[in-house]
């Protein structure tokens, strides 16, 4: 039986990807942001060693645009190339999928009444590749298979936190019904507080961000009931990306334990949040 053994949450700030690609990670400005990932890189390589990562992220007009806006889309293809976001694709490996598990999850979720969009071909942008680089480093090939799960948090209306949490619960059920023995992790990416435009551009709310991190640990499900307007008011127009972390949390079951936590500001004009959780049986 496959099982979800851990959840990872992380920001997917494009400037972090640029800093890695340009060899700037040890510069004074960037070093504190990247230092918080060293524990996780070692843990993943030496202990966790996942076979598959279900990576929850949002596309930034690379695979989807205003012509099609799926609320939840799951990648069921064999591989996904890094997207050209206007300055060429990132110099990172092609992402190898796990089509059998992805199709199984899609079937299970759709029969559980989640209206999933199935994607067989797409390029993946920094929302997916930056987390892989942060956790796995400068790799010739990614050390595991990756199932992309894209969430619309760009165009109104995004899904509610409650629906995202419930989707995570559905993913847990699906993975545990897959007959192959697989070590699966689920990653929630995006956030934390940030606003990229308007009068509040540059907004960072450390207190709210850390409240959110606190709420991912233990047996509380209070985060699933935060309304859209609170994300907008407290975390800026792009803070809604944190609902994707709730898919990860919902997939870990009733109770979690925190293995690692990192929070740093600023990185570019956003807050960096990162956490590693494990389910408590």
Protein backbone atom coordinates (compact mmCIF):
# COMPACT_ATOMS: atom_id res chain seq x y z
CA UNK A 1 0.00 0.00 0.00
CA UNK A 2 1.20 3.51 -0.77
CA UNK A 3 1.26 5.94 2.15
CA UNK A 4 1.80 9.63 2.74
CA UNK A 5 4.73 9.87 5.14
CA UNK A 6 5.32 13.62 5.33
CA UNK A 7 4.12 17.02 4.26
CA UNK A 8 6.35 19.90 3.21
CA UNK A 9 5.25 23.53 2.96
CA UNK A 10 7.33 26.19 1.27
CA UNK A 11 7.18 29.51 -0.50
CA UNK A 12 7.92 29.33 -4.23
CA UNK A 13 9.30 32.84 -4.71
CA UNK A 14 10.72 33.19 -8.26
CA UNK A 15 13.60 35.34 -6.98
CA UNK A 16 14.79 32.36 -4.92
CA UNK A 17 15.03 30.39 -8.15
CA UNK A 18 16.96 33.19 -9.82
CA UNK A 19 19.36 33.39 -6.86
CA UNK A 20 20.05 29.65 -7.13
CA UNK A 21 20.44 29.73 -10.91
CA UNK A 22 22.84 32.70 -10.76
CA UNK A 23 24.95 31.32 -7.87
CA UNK A 24 23.92 34.00 -5.36
CA UNK A 25 22.71 31.82 -2.48
CA UNK A 26 25.68 32.66 -0.25
CA UNK A 27 25.41 36.41 -0.70
CA UNK A 28 24.58 38.30 2.50
CA UNK A 29 21.06 39.16 1.38
CA UNK A 30 20.07 35.63 0.33
CA UNK A 31 22.03 33.42 2.74
CA UNK A 32 19.54 33.58 5.67
CA UNK A 33 16.64 32.62 3.42
CA UNK A 34 18.40 29.54 2.07
CA UNK A 35 19.88 28.49 5.42
CA UNK A 36 16.44 27.40 6.59
CA UNK A 37 16.33 24.69 3.92
CA UNK A 38 19.60 22.96 4.81
CA UNK A 39 17.96 20.73 7.43
CA UNK A 40 15.30 19.62 4.96
CA UNK A 41 17.76 18.94 2.14
CA UNK A 42 19.76 16.63 4.39
CA UNK A 43 16.65 14.96 5.82
CA UNK A 44 15.20 14.29 2.38
CA UNK A 45 18.46 12.84 1.05
CA UNK A 46 19.43 10.74 4.07
CA UNK A 47 16.17 9.76 5.76
CA UNK A 48 12.92 10.57 3.98
CA UNK A 49 13.84 9.46 0.42
CA UNK A 50 10.37 9.78 -1.15
CA UNK A 51 9.40 7.76 -4.19
CA UNK A 52 6.77 10.30 -5.26
CA UNK A 53 5.98 13.90 -4.37
CA UNK A 54 2.49 15.26 -4.96
CA UNK A 55 3.36 18.92 -5.47
CA UNK A 56 0.56 21.43 -4.97
CA UNK A 57 1.30 24.74 -6.68
CA UNK A 58 -0.24 27.44 -8.83
CA UNK A 59 0.56 28.14 -12.43
CA UNK A 60 1.55 31.72 -13.32
CA UNK A 61 0.08 31.95 -16.85
CA UNK A 62 2.55 29.40 -18.20
CA UNK A 63 0.25 26.39 -18.73
CA UNK A 64 -3.07 28.17 -18.20
CA UNK A 65 -4.36 31.63 -19.05
CA UNK A 66 -7.72 33.38 -19.23
CA UNK A 67 -8.84 30.90 -21.89
CA UNK A 68 -9.02 28.09 -19.35
CA UNK A 69 -8.96 28.38 -15.55
CA UNK A 70 -9.23 25.00 -13.81
CA UNK A 71 -9.83 25.22 -10.08
CA UNK A 72 -7.98 21.94 -9.47
CA UNK A 73 -5.87 20.26 -12.17
CA UNK A 74 -3.81 17.09 -11.76
CA UNK A 75 -0.92 16.19 -14.05
CA UNK A 76 -1.24 12.60 -15.27
CA UNK A 77 1.51 12.69 -17.88
CA UNK A 78 4.90 11.01 -18.03
CA UNK A 79 6.99 14.19 -17.85
CA UNK A 80 6.83 18.00 -17.68
CA UNK A 81 9.39 20.43 -19.06
CA UNK A 82 10.39 23.65 -17.26
CA UNK A 83 8.40 26.56 -18.66
CA UNK A 84 9.81 29.61 -20.38
CA UNK A 85 8.45 32.45 -18.25
CA UNK A 86 9.88 35.19 -20.45
CA UNK A 87 13.61 34.81 -19.84
CA UNK A 88 14.08 31.18 -20.90
CA UNK A 89 13.37 27.97 -18.98
CA UNK A 90 15.16 27.48 -15.64
CA UNK A 91 18.26 25.27 -16.01
CA UNK A 92 16.73 22.42 -14.03
CA UNK A 93 15.85 18.82 -14.90
CA UNK A 94 12.69 17.73 -16.68
CA UNK A 95 10.09 16.64 -14.11
CA UNK A 96 9.23 12.95 -14.36
CA UNK A 97 5.66 12.10 -13.45
CA UNK A 98 4.05 8.98 -12.00
CA UNK A 99 1.18 8.44 -14.39
CA UNK A 100 -0.24 5.30 -12.72
CA UNK A 101 -0.57 6.93 -9.29
CA UNK A 102 -1.76 10.21 -10.77
CA UNK A 103 -4.55 8.53 -12.76
CA UNK A 104 -5.53 6.53 -9.68
CA UNK A 105 -5.75 9.73 -7.61
CA UNK A 106 -7.74 11.46 -10.35
CA UNK A 107 -10.21 8.58 -10.55
CA UNK A 108 -10.60 8.37 -6.80
CA UNK A 109 -11.13 12.12 -6.40
CA UNK A 110 -13.62 12.39 -9.27
CA UNK A 111 -15.64 9.48 -7.92
CA UNK A 112 -15.52 11.26 -4.54
CA UNK A 113 -17.18 14.21 -6.33
CA UNK A 114 -14.17 16.48 -6.79
CA UNK A 115 -14.28 17.93 -10.30
CA UNK A 116 -10.63 17.50 -11.26
CA UNK A 117 -9.17 18.65 -14.57
CA UNK A 118 -6.83 15.99 -15.96
CA UNK A 119 -3.73 17.38 -17.70
CA UNK A 120 -1.51 15.12 -19.79
CA UNK A 121 0.74 17.77 -21.36
CA UNK A 122 1.96 21.02 -19.80
CA UNK A 123 5.09 22.92 -18.93
CA UNK A 124 5.69 23.71 -15.25
CA UNK A 125 6.87 27.09 -14.03
CA UNK A 126 8.64 28.40 -10.92
CA UNK A 127 5.66 27.51 -8.75
CA UNK A 128 6.75 23.88 -9.08
CA UNK A 129 10.44 24.01 -9.95
CA UNK A 130 11.59 26.43 -7.23
CA UNK A 131 10.35 24.15 -4.40
CA UNK A 132 12.12 21.21 -6.01
CA UNK A 133 15.36 23.20 -6.18
CA UNK A 134 15.02 24.43 -2.59
CA UNK A 135 14.55 20.91 -1.24
CA UNK A 136 16.67 18.80 -3.61
CA UNK A 137 19.35 21.32 -4.54
CA UNK A 138 21.30 21.45 -7.80
CA UNK A 139 20.36 18.04 -9.20
CA UNK A 140 21.17 16.43 -12.55
CA UNK A 141 17.80 14.74 -12.25
CA UNK A 142 15.13 14.97 -9.57
CA UNK A 143 15.46 12.09 -7.08
CA UNK A 144 11.77 11.14 -7.20
CA UNK A 145 8.68 11.18 -9.37
CA UNK A 146 6.46 14.26 -9.14
CA UNK A 147 2.70 14.59 -9.58
CA UNK A 148 1.79 18.25 -10.25
CA UNK A 149 -1.47 19.45 -8.71
CA UNK A 150 -2.28 22.97 -9.89
CA UNK A 151 -4.74 25.19 -8.00
CA UNK A 152 -6.28 28.43 -9.22
CA UNK A 153 -5.31 31.16 -6.77
CA UNK A 154 -4.71 33.77 -9.47
CA UNK A 155 -8.18 34.59 -10.78
CA UNK A 156 -11.23 35.10 -8.57
CA UNK A 157 -12.85 32.95 -7.26
CA UNK A 158 -10.19 30.66 -5.78
CA UNK A 159 -11.30 27.58 -3.82
CA UNK A 160 -12.04 27.98 -0.13
CA UNK A 161 -9.64 26.77 2.52
CA UNK A 162 -12.26 24.25 3.60
CA UNK A 163 -12.50 22.79 0.10
CA UNK A 164 -8.72 22.60 -0.15
CA UNK A 165 -8.46 20.79 3.19
CA UNK A 166 -11.17 18.34 2.06
CA UNK A 167 -9.28 17.76 -1.19
CA UNK A 168 -6.25 16.82 0.89
CA UNK A 169 -8.37 14.32 2.78
CA UNK A 170 -9.49 12.87 -0.55
CA UNK A 171 -5.88 12.60 -1.73
CA UNK A 172 -4.95 10.72 1.45
CA UNK A 173 -7.76 8.23 0.80
CA UNK A 174 -6.68 7.82 -2.82
CA UNK A 175 -3.01 7.26 -2.05
CA UNK A 176 -3.77 4.70 0.65
CA UNK A 177 -5.89 2.68 -1.80
CA UNK A 178 -3.08 2.44 -4.36
CA UNK A 179 -1.68 -1.11 -4.23
CA UNK A 180 1.98 -0.38 -4.96
CA UNK A 181 4.31 0.12 -1.98
CA UNK A 182 5.28 3.78 -2.35
CA UNK A 183 6.71 6.38 0.02
CA UNK A 184 4.69 9.48 -0.91
CA UNK A 185 5.09 13.05 0.28
CA UNK A 186 2.72 15.93 -0.36
CA UNK A 187 4.03 19.48 -0.67
CA UNK A 188 2.00 22.66 -0.36
CA UNK A 189 3.68 25.67 -1.96
CA UNK A 190 3.14 29.40 -2.39
CA UNK A 191 2.73 32.26 0.06
CA UNK A 192 3.35 33.54 2.58
CA UNK A 193 2.05 37.10 3.04
CA UNK A 194 2.81 39.29 0.04
CA UNK A 195 1.28 41.80 -2.32
CA UNK A 196 2.89 42.58 -5.65
CA UNK A 197 0.97 45.67 -6.75
CA UNK A 198 -1.14 48.61 -5.64
CA UNK A 199 -0.95 50.82 -2.59
CA UNK A 200 -0.05 47.91 -0.31
CA UNK A 201 2.71 46.48 -2.51
CA UNK A 202 5.40 44.94 -0.30
CA UNK A 203 3.01 44.07 2.53
CA UNK A 204 4.36 41.42 4.93
CA UNK A 205 2.45 40.33 8.05
CA UNK A 206 4.84 38.36 10.27
CA UNK A 207 2.33 37.88 13.10
CA UNK A 208 -0.36 36.42 10.83
CA UNK A 209 2.12 34.24 8.95
CA UNK A 210 3.36 32.67 12.18
CA UNK A 211 -0.19 32.16 13.41
CA UNK A 212 -0.80 30.20 10.21
CA UNK A 213 2.34 28.12 10.72
CA UNK A 214 1.25 27.37 14.29
CA UNK A 215 -2.13 26.19 13.03
CA UNK A 216 -0.62 23.52 10.78
CA UNK A 217 0.69 21.60 13.80
CA UNK A 218 -1.33 19.37 16.10
CA UNK A 219 -4.96 18.35 15.80
CA UNK A 220 -6.68 21.67 15.11
CA UNK A 221 -8.45 22.30 11.80
CA UNK A 222 -9.18 25.98 12.43
CA UNK A 223 -7.20 27.15 9.39
CA UNK A 224 -9.66 25.55 6.99
CA UNK A 225 -12.34 28.05 7.99
CA UNK A 226 -10.39 31.27 7.32
CA UNK A 227 -12.45 33.25 4.76
CA UNK A 228 -11.03 34.71 1.55
CA UNK A 229 -11.46 38.26 2.84
CA UNK A 230 -9.16 37.59 5.80
CA UNK A 231 -6.36 36.37 3.54
CA UNK A 232 -6.80 39.50 1.43
CA UNK A 233 -6.93 41.87 4.38
CA UNK A 234 -4.14 40.35 6.46
CA UNK A 235 -1.75 38.86 3.91
CA UNK A 236 -2.14 40.90 0.74
CA UNK A 237 -3.57 40.03 -2.63
CA UNK A 238 -1.21 37.08 -3.18
CA UNK A 239 -1.44 35.65 0.34
CA UNK A 240 -4.37 33.51 -0.82
CA UNK A 241 -1.72 31.08 -2.11
CA UNK A 242 -1.61 29.68 1.42
CA UNK A 243 -4.85 27.77 0.84
CA UNK A 244 -2.62 25.36 -1.13
CA UNK A 245 -0.81 24.52 2.10
CA UNK A 246 -4.17 23.33 3.45
CA UNK A 247 -4.35 20.61 0.79
CA UNK A 248 -1.06 19.32 2.18
CA UNK A 249 -2.31 19.57 5.77
CA UNK A 250 -5.60 17.83 5.01
CA UNK A 251 -3.70 14.91 3.47
CA UNK A 252 -1.76 14.29 6.69
CA UNK A 253 -4.75 13.21 8.76
CA UNK A 254 -6.04 14.36 12.11
CA UNK A 255 -2.79 15.17 13.91
CA UNK A 256 0.65 16.35 12.83
CA UNK A 257 4.07 16.79 14.38
CA UNK A 258 6.48 19.53 13.27
CA UNK A 259 9.94 18.31 12.29
CA UNK A 260 11.33 21.61 11.01
CA UNK A 261 10.23 25.23 10.71
CA UNK A 262 11.75 28.26 9.00
CA UNK A 263 10.50 31.81 8.53
CA UNK A 264 12.47 34.72 7.07
CA UNK A 265 11.80 38.20 5.72
CA UNK A 266 12.41 39.65 3.32
CA UNK A 267 13.19 37.71 0.17
CA UNK A 268 12.50 39.95 -2.75
CA UNK A 269 9.30 41.63 -1.48
CA UNK A 270 7.77 38.59 0.22
CA UNK A 271 8.00 36.44 3.31
CA UNK A 272 9.68 33.02 3.16
CA UNK A 273 7.84 30.27 5.03
CA UNK A 274 8.86 26.62 5.25
CA UNK A 275 7.74 23.71 7.39
CA UNK A 276 8.15 19.92 7.46
CA UNK A 277 5.35 17.92 9.07
CA UNK A 278 4.71 14.25 9.68
CA UNK A 279 1.39 12.58 10.40
CA UNK A 280 0.81 11.21 13.88
CA UNK A 281 -1.05 7.92 13.77
